[in-house]
Amino acid sequence: MITRKQIKNIGLQITGKSILLYTLTLALVYGCNSENVSDCLQNAGDIITEEIVVEPFTTITIFENSALVIKEGPVQKVEVETGEYLRSDIDAKVVDGKLLLTNTNGCNFTRDYGLTTFYVTAPNITSIRSSTGFDISSDGILSYPNLSLLSEDFGDSEADFTTGSFDLELSGTRVSLVSNGAAYFKLKGTAESLNVVFAAGDSRLNAENLLAKNVSVNHRSSNDMLVNPEESISGTIRGVGDVISFNKPNVVNVEELYKGKLIFKE
């Protein structure tokens, strides 16, 4: 039989554990409202927007944990929107004309994902490399003469995330895409030329709303390419993914080496 003293001791133990749990909870909730704690327990704080002054650049590489919004404009500008307690682990710097966007706030037990977005305005960009799982999008129309969109890990050993997502509106651009992972490209507008290399993986291209004069493909992905060529389409289909064309131009020169097919959909 349990004595009254034993019952009292059990009650004291439960009360002690409750107080300890309550104290730990308060520490997690209030003690993590600072930038001087572990990333995993750190709250974001209030959302702030801050300009980062950098040297001139024409190419961009964005690393993990951040989204990117690109805007064409005459004056170069780089801004970051993030939580006030996350800001110290976020950086933008230029090395050899390349803008490097980094965010080392990777562990987040006590805050939401996707709290950091870079906003970049530039008169000319020639290359955007994605090493982030978050979106790269355009604010308005981009009319840069030559633009490469990259989501692959051959050309840059440090850019090892190949699941990028691009959503851009273009005008008169000569645009090239290279991917060897599971990237997603959504393009609309107009282009002088569209050159697509999917070297491996499961990347997908939705460019049926991009009117491109000339389209060239090298397709080894297991997913599909949707394109809209006006004058010509050429290249090679090497994998199981199809190339679906929303127009049949006068010049068609596409070689089918495996299961993937060139399909015209009008």
C-alpha atoms as a PDB file:
ATOM      1  CA  MET A   1       0.000   0.000   0.000  1.00  0.00           C
ATOM      2  CA  ILE A   2       1.267   3.486  -0.886  1.00  0.00           C
ATOM      3  CA  THR A   3       1.642   5.643   2.188  1.00  0.00           C
ATOM      4  CA  ARG A   4       0.627   9.269   2.501  1.00  0.00           C
ATOM      5  CA  LYS A   5       4.308  10.244   2.645  1.00  0.00           C
ATOM      6  CA  GLN A   6       5.029   8.421  -0.642  1.00  0.00           C
ATOM      7  CA  ILE A   7       2.089  10.159  -2.292  1.00  0.00           C
ATOM      8  CA  LYS A   8       3.427  13.496  -1.062  1.00  0.00           C
ATOM      9  CA  ASN A   9       6.899  12.727  -2.441  1.00  0.00           C
ATOM     10  CA  ILE A  10       5.441  11.750  -5.825  1.00  0.00           C
ATOM     11  CA  GLY A  11       3.504  15.000  -5.888  1.00  0.00           C
ATOM     12  CA  LEU A  12       6.635  16.976  -5.122  1.00  0.00           C
ATOM     13  CA  GLN A  13       8.519  15.190  -7.923  1.00  0.00           C
ATOM     14  CA  ILE A  14       5.758  15.940 -10.439  1.00  0.00           C
ATOM     15  CA  THR A  15       5.610  19.556  -9.309  1.00  0.00           C
ATOM     16  CA  GLY A  16       9.372  19.863  -9.612  1.00  0.00           C
ATOM     17  CA  LYS A  17       9.354  18.425 -13.138  1.00  0.00           C
ATOM     18  CA  SER A  18       6.511  20.752 -14.124  1.00  0.00           C
ATOM     19  CA  ILE A  19       8.425  23.771 -12.862  1.00  0.00           C
ATOM     20  CA  LEU A  20      11.548  22.641 -14.723  1.00  0.00           C
ATOM     21  CA  LEU A  21       9.573  22.095 -17.949  1.00  0.00           C
ATOM     22  CA  TYR A  22       7.908  25.497 -17.569  1.00  0.00           C
ATOM     23  CA  THR A  23      11.279  27.146 -16.987  1.00  0.00           C
ATOM     24  CA  LEU A  24      12.800  25.484 -20.052  1.00  0.00           C
ATOM     25  CA  THR A  25       9.807  26.555 -22.149  1.00  0.00           C
ATOM     26  CA  LEU A  26      10.214  30.163 -21.034  1.00  0.00           C
ATOM     27  CA  ALA A  27      13.912  29.982 -21.860  1.00  0.00           C
ATOM     28  CA  LEU A  28      13.183  28.719 -25.357  1.00  0.00           C
ATOM     29  CA  VAL A  29      10.491  31.301 -26.026  1.00  0.00           C
ATOM     30  CA  TYR A  30      12.172  34.359 -24.564  1.00  0.00           C
ATOM     31  CA  GLY A  31      15.847  33.438 -24.379  1.00  0.00           C
ATOM     32  CA  CYS A  32      16.083  32.860 -28.158  1.00  0.00           C
ATOM     33  CA  ASN A  33      14.983  36.356 -29.119  1.00  0.00           C
ATOM     34  CA  SER A  34      18.550  37.299 -29.942  1.00  0.00           C
ATOM     35  CA  GLU A  35      21.184  36.836 -32.622  1.00  0.00           C
ATOM     36  CA  ASN A  36      23.592  35.393 -30.041  1.00  0.00           C
ATOM     37  CA  VAL A  37      22.035  31.929 -29.755  1.00  0.00           C
ATOM     38  CA  SER A  38      22.191  28.689 -31.717  1.00  0.00           C
ATOM     39  CA  ASP A  39      20.643  28.791 -35.205  1.00  0.00           C
ATOM     40  CA  CYS A  40      18.337  25.889 -34.328  1.00  0.00           C
ATOM     41  CA  LEU A  41      16.740  27.763 -31.395  1.00  0.00           C
ATOM     42  CA  GLN A  42      16.954  31.294 -32.757  1.00  0.00           C
ATOM     43  CA  ASN A  43      13.802  33.252 -33.475  1.00  0.00           C
ATOM     44  CA  ALA A  44      13.714  35.444 -36.568  1.00  0.00           C
ATOM     45  CA  GLY A  45      12.645  38.640 -34.852  1.00  0.00           C
ATOM     46  CA  ASP A  46      10.916  41.411 -36.787  1.00  0.00           C
ATOM     47  CA  ILE A  47      11.215  41.342 -40.584  1.00  0.00           C
ATOM     48  CA  ILE A  48      13.551  44.080 -41.801  1.00  0.00           C
ATOM     49  CA  THR A  49      14.782  45.286 -45.198  1.00  0.00           C
ATOM     50  CA  GLU A  50      18.345  46.512 -45.532  1.00  0.00           C
ATOM     51  CA  GLU A  51      20.442  47.691 -48.478  1.00  0.00           C
ATOM     52  CA  ILE A  52      23.872  46.124 -48.948  1.00  0.00           C
ATOM     53  CA  VAL A  53      26.384  48.237 -50.870  1.00  0.00           C
ATOM     54  CA  VAL A  54      28.550  46.147 -53.210  1.00  0.00           C
ATOM     55  CA  GLU A  55      30.951  46.592 -56.108  1.00  0.00           C
ATOM     56  CA  PRO A  56      29.699  46.400 -59.734  1.00  0.00           C
ATOM     57  CA  PHE A  57      28.722  42.921 -60.963  1.00  0.00           C
ATOM     58  CA  THR A  58      27.229  41.227 -64.024  1.00  0.00           C
ATOM     59  CA  THR A  59      26.755  37.659 -62.744  1.00  0.00           C
ATOM     60  CA  ILE A  60      24.957  36.278 -59.682  1.00  0.00           C
ATOM     61  CA  THR A  61      25.255  33.101 -57.624  1.00  0.00           C
ATOM     62  CA  ILE A  62      22.689  32.557 -54.894  1.00  0.00           C
ATOM     63  CA  PHE A  63      23.312  29.862 -52.304  1.00  0.00           C
ATOM     64  CA  GLU A  64      20.885  27.915 -50.117  1.00  0.00           C
ATOM     65  CA  ASN A  65      18.222  29.251 -47.732  1.00  0.00           C
ATOM     66  CA  SER A  66      17.280  32.378 -49.731  1.00  0.00           C
ATOM     67  CA  ALA A  67      14.997  33.496 -52.541  1.00  0.00           C
ATOM     68  CA  LEU A  68      15.956  36.053 -55.195  1.00  0.00           C
ATOM     69  CA  VAL A  69      13.974  38.703 -57.062  1.00  0.00           C
ATOM     70  CA  ILE A  70      15.640  40.305 -60.111  1.00  0.00           C
ATOM     71  CA  LYS A  71      14.666  43.696 -61.517  1.00  0.00           C
ATOM     72  CA  GLU A  72      16.154  45.511 -64.485  1.00  0.00           C
ATOM     73  CA  GLY A  73      17.033  49.109 -63.733  1.00  0.00           C
ATOM     74  CA  PRO A  74      19.668  51.762 -64.505  1.00  0.00           C
ATOM     75  CA  VAL A  75      21.082  51.871 -60.969  1.00  0.00           C
ATOM     76  CA  GLN A  76      22.566  48.807 -59.292  1.00  0.00           C
ATOM     77  CA  LYS A  77      21.028  47.972 -55.916  1.00  0.00           C
ATOM     78  CA  VAL A  78      21.082  44.968 -53.572  1.00  0.00           C
ATOM     79  CA  GLU A  79      18.632  44.630 -50.690  1.00  0.00           C
ATOM     80  CA  VAL A  80      17.860  41.801 -48.289  1.00  0.00           C
ATOM     81  CA  GLU A  81      14.598  41.151 -46.477  1.00  0.00           C
ATOM     82  CA  THR A  82      14.947  38.878 -43.452  1.00  0.00           C
ATOM     83  CA  GLY A  83      14.457  38.564 -39.704  1.00  0.00           C
ATOM     84  CA  GLU A  84      16.433  41.014 -37.583  1.00  0.00           C
ATOM     85  CA  TYR A  85      18.100  38.197 -35.605  1.00  0.00           C
ATOM     86  CA  LEU A  86      19.104  36.394 -38.823  1.00  0.00           C
ATOM     87  CA  ARG A  87      20.789  39.349 -40.502  1.00  0.00           C
ATOM     88  CA  SER A  88      24.282  38.753 -39.086  1.00  0.00           C
ATOM     89  CA  ASP A  89      24.548  35.402 -40.919  1.00  0.00           C
ATOM     90  CA  ILE A  90      23.541  36.835 -44.303  1.00  0.00           C
ATOM     91  CA  ASP A  91      25.959  38.396 -46.755  1.00  0.00           C
ATOM     92  CA  ALA A  92      26.238  39.808 -50.253  1.00  0.00           C
ATOM     93  CA  LYS A  93      29.662  40.413 -51.742  1.00  0.00           C
ATOM     94  CA  VAL A  94      31.256  40.706 -55.175  1.00  0.00           C
ATOM     95  CA  VAL A  95      34.232  38.586 -56.218  1.00  0.00           C
ATOM     96  CA  ASP A  96      35.647  39.096 -59.731  1.00  0.00           C
ATOM     97  CA  GLY A  97      32.435  40.696 -60.952  1.00  0.00           C
ATOM     98  CA  LYS A  98      30.224  37.948 -59.472  1.00  0.00           C
ATOM     99  CA  LEU A  99      27.632  38.757 -56.815  1.00  0.00           C
ATOM    100  CA  LEU A 100      27.607  36.012 -54.162  1.00  0.00           C
ATOM    101  CA  LEU A 101      24.488  35.820 -51.986  1.00  0.00           C
ATOM    102  CA  THR A 102      24.811  33.675 -48.851  1.00  0.00           C
ATOM    103  CA  ASN A 103      22.658  32.800 -45.856  1.00  0.00           C
ATOM    104  CA  THR A 104      24.045  30.390 -43.265  1.00  0.00           C
ATOM    105  CA  ASN A 105      20.875  30.328 -41.140  1.00  0.00           C
ATOM    106  CA  GLY A 106      20.173  26.700 -41.979  1.00  0.00           C
ATOM    107  CA  CYS A 107      18.749  25.135 -38.796  1.00  0.00           C
ATOM    108  CA  ASN A 108      15.355  26.427 -37.689  1.00  0.00           C
ATOM    109  CA  PHE A 109      13.446  24.535 -34.995  1.00  0.00           C
ATOM    110  CA  THR A 110      11.684  27.676 -33.730  1.00  0.00           C
ATOM    111  CA  ARG A 111      10.984  29.704 -36.881  1.00  0.00           C
ATOM    112  CA  ASP A 112       9.476  29.376 -40.349  1.00  0.00           C
ATOM    113  CA  TYR A 113      11.339  28.548 -43.549  1.00  0.00           C
ATOM    114  CA  GLY A 114      11.723  31.021 -46.386  1.00  0.00           C
ATOM    115  CA  LEU A 115      12.147  34.239 -44.415  1.00  0.00           C
ATOM    116  CA  THR A 116      15.045  35.624 -46.466  1.00  0.00           C
ATOM    117  CA  THR A 117      14.745  37.217 -49.914  1.00  0.00           C
ATOM    118  CA  PHE A 118      17.375  39.173 -51.837  1.00  0.00           C
ATOM    119  CA  TYR A 119      16.146  41.956 -54.153  1.00  0.00           C
ATOM    120  CA  VAL A 120      18.642  42.811 -56.881  1.00  0.00           C
ATOM    121  CA  THR A 121      18.317  45.647 -59.390  1.00  0.00           C
ATOM    122  CA  ALA A 122      20.915  45.819 -62.169  1.00  0.00           C
ATOM    123  CA  PRO A 123      21.293  47.368 -65.640  1.00  0.00           C
ATOM    124  CA  ASN A 124      22.801  44.170 -67.055  1.00  0.00           C
ATOM    125  CA  ILE A 125      23.041  40.580 -65.862  1.00  0.00           C
ATOM    126  CA  THR A 126      24.659  37.877 -67.994  1.00  0.00           C
ATOM    127  CA  SER A 127      24.385  34.860 -65.687  1.00  0.00           C
ATOM    128  CA  ILE A 128      22.304  33.684 -62.721  1.00  0.00           C
ATOM    129  CA  ARG A 129      23.381  30.510 -60.942  1.00  0.00           C
ATOM    130  CA  SER A 130      20.962  28.885 -58.510  1.00  0.00           C
ATOM    131  CA  SER A 131      22.255  26.838 -55.594  1.00  0.00           C
ATOM    132  CA  THR A 132      19.118  27.324 -53.527  1.00  0.00           C
ATOM    133  CA  GLY A 133      15.853  25.472 -53.232  1.00  0.00           C
ATOM    134  CA  PHE A 134      13.910  28.728 -53.189  1.00  0.00           C
ATOM    135  CA  ASP A 135      12.517  30.710 -56.128  1.00  0.00           C
ATOM    136  CA  ILE A 136      14.350  33.063 -58.453  1.00  0.00           C
ATOM    137  CA  SER A 137      11.812  35.405 -60.045  1.00  0.00           C
ATOM    138  CA  SER A 138      11.662  38.641 -62.001  1.00  0.00           C
ATOM    139  CA  ASP A 139      10.020  41.885 -60.972  1.00  0.00           C
ATOM    140  CA  GLY A 140       8.871  43.141 -64.358  1.00  0.00           C
ATOM    141  CA  ILE A 141      10.386  42.309 -67.744  1.00  0.00           C
ATOM    142  CA  LEU A 142      14.089  41.537 -68.187  1.00  0.00           C
ATOM    143  CA  SER A 143      15.581  42.646 -71.510  1.00  0.00           C
ATOM    144  CA  TYR A 144      19.211  41.727 -70.858  1.00  0.00           C
ATOM    145  CA  PRO A 145      20.849  40.872 -74.233  1.00  0.00           C
ATOM    146  CA  ASN A 146      22.424  37.578 -73.093  1.00  0.00           C
ATOM    147  CA  LEU A 147      21.326  35.628 -70.048  1.00  0.00           C
ATOM    148  CA  SER A 148      22.453  32.215 -68.778  1.00  0.00           C
ATOM    149  CA  LEU A 149      20.368  30.404 -66.154  1.00  0.00           C
ATOM    150  CA  LEU A 150      22.341  27.708 -64.359  1.00  0.00           C
ATOM    151  CA  SER A 151      21.360  25.002 -61.904  1.00  0.00           C
ATOM    152  CA  GLU A 152      24.190  22.481 -62.090  1.00  0.00           C
ATOM    153  CA  ASP A 153      27.239  21.425 -60.098  1.00  0.00           C
ATOM    154  CA  PHE A 154      29.841  20.876 -62.826  1.00  0.00           C
ATOM    155  CA  GLY A 155      30.809  24.502 -63.395  1.00  0.00           C
ATOM    156  CA  ASP A 156      30.975  25.506 -59.711  1.00  0.00           C
ATOM    157  CA  SER A 157      31.925  22.929 -57.079  1.00  0.00           C
ATOM    158  CA  GLU A 158      30.539  25.101 -54.261  1.00  0.00           C
ATOM    159  CA  ALA A 159      27.104  25.425 -55.888  1.00  0.00           C
ATOM    160  CA  ASP A 160      25.982  21.893 -55.112  1.00  0.00           C
ATOM    161  CA  PHE A 161      22.207  22.440 -54.819  1.00  0.00           C
ATOM    162  CA  THR A 162      20.633  21.677 -58.212  1.00  0.00           C
ATOM    163  CA  THR A 163      16.923  22.010 -57.435  1.00  0.00           C
ATOM    164  CA  GLY A 164      16.549  25.654 -58.397  1.00  0.00           C
ATOM    165  CA  SER A 165      13.322  27.265 -59.573  1.00  0.00           C
ATOM    166  CA  PHE A 166      13.285  30.116 -62.116  1.00  0.00           C
ATOM    167  CA  ASP A 167      10.178  32.162 -62.972  1.00  0.00           C
ATOM    168  CA  LEU A 168      11.161  34.970 -65.354  1.00  0.00           C
ATOM    169  CA  GLU A 169       9.597  37.248 -67.957  1.00  0.00           C
ATOM    170  CA  LEU A 170      11.988  38.097 -70.805  1.00  0.00           C
ATOM    171  CA  SER A 171      12.066  40.406 -73.823  1.00  0.00           C
ATOM    172  CA  GLY A 172      14.344  39.892 -76.828  1.00  0.00           C
ATOM    173  CA  THR A 173      16.932  37.976 -74.840  1.00  0.00           C
ATOM    174  CA  ARG A 174      19.350  35.322 -76.034  1.00  0.00           C
ATOM    175  CA  VAL A 175      18.819  32.920 -73.161  1.00  0.00           C
ATOM    176  CA  SER A 176      20.589  29.673 -72.320  1.00  0.00           C
ATOM    177  CA  LEU A 177      19.688  27.098 -69.665  1.00  0.00           C
ATOM    178  CA  VAL A 178      21.964  24.455 -68.150  1.00  0.00           C
ATOM    179  CA  SER A 179      20.851  21.942 -65.521  1.00  0.00           C
ATOM    180  CA  ASN A 180      21.843  18.496 -64.308  1.00  0.00           C
ATOM    181  CA  GLY A 181      19.537  18.133 -61.297  1.00  0.00           C
ATOM    182  CA  ALA A 182      15.846  18.680 -60.643  1.00  0.00           C
ATOM    183  CA  ALA A 183      15.475  22.356 -61.513  1.00  0.00           C
ATOM    184  CA  TYR A 184      12.271  23.973 -62.764  1.00  0.00           C
ATOM    185  CA  PHE A 185      12.268  26.753 -65.350  1.00  0.00           C
ATOM    186  CA  LYS A 186       9.166  28.820 -66.154  1.00  0.00           C
ATOM    187  CA  LEU A 187       9.789  31.446 -68.838  1.00  0.00           C
ATOM    188  CA  LYS A 188       7.492  33.800 -70.723  1.00  0.00           C
ATOM    189  CA  GLY A 189       7.806  36.761 -73.071  1.00  0.00           C
ATOM    190  CA  THR A 190      10.048  36.829 -76.152  1.00  0.00           C
ATOM    191  CA  ALA A 191      13.566  35.660 -76.965  1.00  0.00           C
ATOM    192  CA  GLU A 192      15.919  35.883 -79.905  1.00  0.00           C
ATOM    193  CA  SER A 193      17.131  32.385 -79.100  1.00  0.00           C
ATOM    194  CA  LEU A 194      16.615  29.697 -76.481  1.00  0.00           C
ATOM    195  CA  ASN A 195      19.375  27.156 -75.897  1.00  0.00           C
ATOM    196  CA  VAL A 196      18.595  24.395 -73.389  1.00  0.00           C
ATOM    197  CA  VAL A 197      20.970  21.752 -72.013  1.00  0.00           C
ATOM    198  CA  PHE A 198      19.511  19.289 -69.521  1.00  0.00           C
ATOM    199  CA  ALA A 199      22.530  17.038 -69.001  1.00  0.00           C
ATOM    200  CA  ALA A 200      20.934  14.709 -66.435  1.00  0.00           C
ATOM    201  CA  GLY A 201      18.339  14.529 -63.681  1.00  0.00           C
ATOM    202  CA  ASP A 202      14.662  15.478 -63.732  1.00  0.00           C
ATOM    203  CA  SER A 203      14.683  19.150 -64.733  1.00  0.00           C
ATOM    204  CA  ARG A 204      11.627  20.602 -66.436  1.00  0.00           C
ATOM    205  CA  LEU A 205      11.126  23.585 -68.745  1.00  0.00           C
ATOM    206  CA  ASN A 206       7.787  25.350 -69.156  1.00  0.00           C
ATOM    207  CA  ALA A 207       8.455  27.902 -71.906  1.00  0.00           C
ATOM    208  CA  GLU A 208       5.347  27.503 -74.034  1.00  0.00           C
ATOM    209  CA  ASN A 209       4.643  31.190 -73.357  1.00  0.00           C
ATOM    210  CA  LEU A 210       8.135  32.273 -74.448  1.00  0.00           C
ATOM    211  CA  LEU A 211       8.100  33.091 -78.167  1.00  0.00           C
ATOM    212  CA  ALA A 212      11.648  32.228 -79.218  1.00  0.00           C
ATOM    213  CA  LYS A 213      12.825  32.703 -82.793  1.00  0.00           C
ATOM    214  CA  ASN A 214      15.260  29.787 -82.624  1.00  0.00           C
ATOM    215  CA  VAL A 215      15.264  26.911 -80.133  1.00  0.00           C
ATOM    216  CA  SER A 216      18.119  24.461 -79.573  1.00  0.00           C
ATOM    217  CA  VAL A 217      17.848  21.500 -77.171  1.00  0.00           C
ATOM    218  CA  ASN A 218      20.162  18.871 -75.707  1.00  0.00           C
ATOM    219  CA  HIS A 219      17.766  16.826 -73.616  1.00  0.00           C
ATOM    220  CA  ARG A 220      18.764  13.996 -71.280  1.00  0.00           C
ATOM    221  CA  SER A 221      16.317  14.758 -68.455  1.00  0.00           C
ATOM    222  CA  SER A 222      13.508  12.405 -67.468  1.00  0.00           C
ATOM    223  CA  ASN A 223      11.092  15.344 -67.501  1.00  0.00           C
ATOM    224  CA  ASP A 224       9.703  17.394 -70.405  1.00  0.00           C
ATOM    225  CA  MET A 225      10.620  20.591 -72.226  1.00  0.00           C
ATOM    226  CA  LEU A 226       7.760  22.804 -73.405  1.00  0.00           C
ATOM    227  CA  VAL A 227       8.873  25.333 -76.035  1.00  0.00           C
ATOM    228  CA  ASN A 228       7.428  27.692 -78.646  1.00  0.00           C
ATOM    229  CA  PRO A 229       9.859  28.195 -81.567  1.00  0.00           C
ATOM    230  CA  GLU A 230       8.982  30.643 -84.336  1.00  0.00           C
ATOM    231  CA  GLU A 231      11.620  29.945 -87.014  1.00  0.00           C
ATOM    232  CA  SER A 232      13.569  26.804 -86.073  1.00  0.00           C
ATOM    233  CA  ILE A 233      14.014  24.000 -83.576  1.00  0.00           C
ATOM    234  CA  SER A 234      17.106  21.797 -83.515  1.00  0.00           C
ATOM    235  CA  GLY A 235      19.079  19.495 -81.248  1.00  0.00           C
ATOM    236  CA  THR A 236      19.065  16.033 -79.710  1.00  0.00           C
ATOM    237  CA  ILE A 237      16.747  14.133 -77.361  1.00  0.00           C
ATOM    238  CA  ARG A 238      18.844  11.577 -75.471  1.00  0.00           C
ATOM    239  CA  GLY A 239      16.608  10.480 -72.569  1.00  0.00           C
ATOM    240  CA  VAL A 240      13.008   9.591 -71.764  1.00  0.00           C
ATOM    241  CA  GLY A 241      11.709  13.151 -71.478  1.00  0.00           C
ATOM    242  CA  ASP A 242       9.836  14.675 -74.417  1.00  0.00           C
ATOM    243  CA  VAL A 243      10.215  18.020 -76.161  1.00  0.00           C
ATOM    244  CA  ILE A 244       6.738  19.446 -76.676  1.00  0.00           C
ATOM    245  CA  SER A 245       6.595  22.273 -79.206  1.00  0.00           C
ATOM    246  CA  PHE A 246       3.584  24.598 -79.319  1.00  0.00           C
ATOM    247  CA  ASN A 247       4.413  25.634 -82.888  1.00  0.00           C
ATOM    248  CA  LYS A 248       5.872  23.838 -85.895  1.00  0.00           C
ATOM    249  CA  PRO A 249       8.492  26.137 -87.447  1.00  0.00           C
ATOM    250  CA  ASN A 250       9.762  25.868 -91.008  1.00  0.00           C
ATOM    251  CA  VAL A 251      13.095  24.418 -89.871  1.00  0.00           C
ATOM    252  CA  VAL A 252      12.961  21.219 -87.789  1.00  0.00           C
ATOM    253  CA  ASN A 253      16.178  19.297 -87.136  1.00  0.00           C
ATOM    254  CA  VAL A 254      15.841  17.257 -83.939  1.00  0.00           C
ATOM    255  CA  GLU A 255      17.410  13.823 -83.484  1.00  0.00           C
ATOM    256  CA  GLU A 256      15.651  11.293 -81.230  1.00  0.00           C
ATOM    257  CA  LEU A 257      18.137   8.778 -79.779  1.00  0.00           C
ATOM    258  CA  TYR A 258      16.069   7.074 -77.080  1.00  0.00           C
ATOM    259  CA  LYS A 259      12.482   7.081 -75.782  1.00  0.00           C
ATOM    260  CA  GLY A 260      11.961  10.832 -75.692  1.00  0.00           C
ATOM    261  CA  LYS A 261      10.100  12.343 -78.647  1.00  0.00           C
ATOM    262  CA  LEU A 262       9.572  15.692 -80.343  1.00  0.00           C
ATOM    263  CA  ILE A 263       5.833  16.345 -80.140  1.00  0.00           C
ATOM    264  CA  PHE A 264       4.093  19.206 -81.912  1.00  0.00           C
ATOM    265  CA  LYS A 265       1.077  20.596 -80.107  1.00  0.00           C
ATOM    266  CA  GLU A 266      -0.811  23.357 -81.874  1.00  0.00           C
END
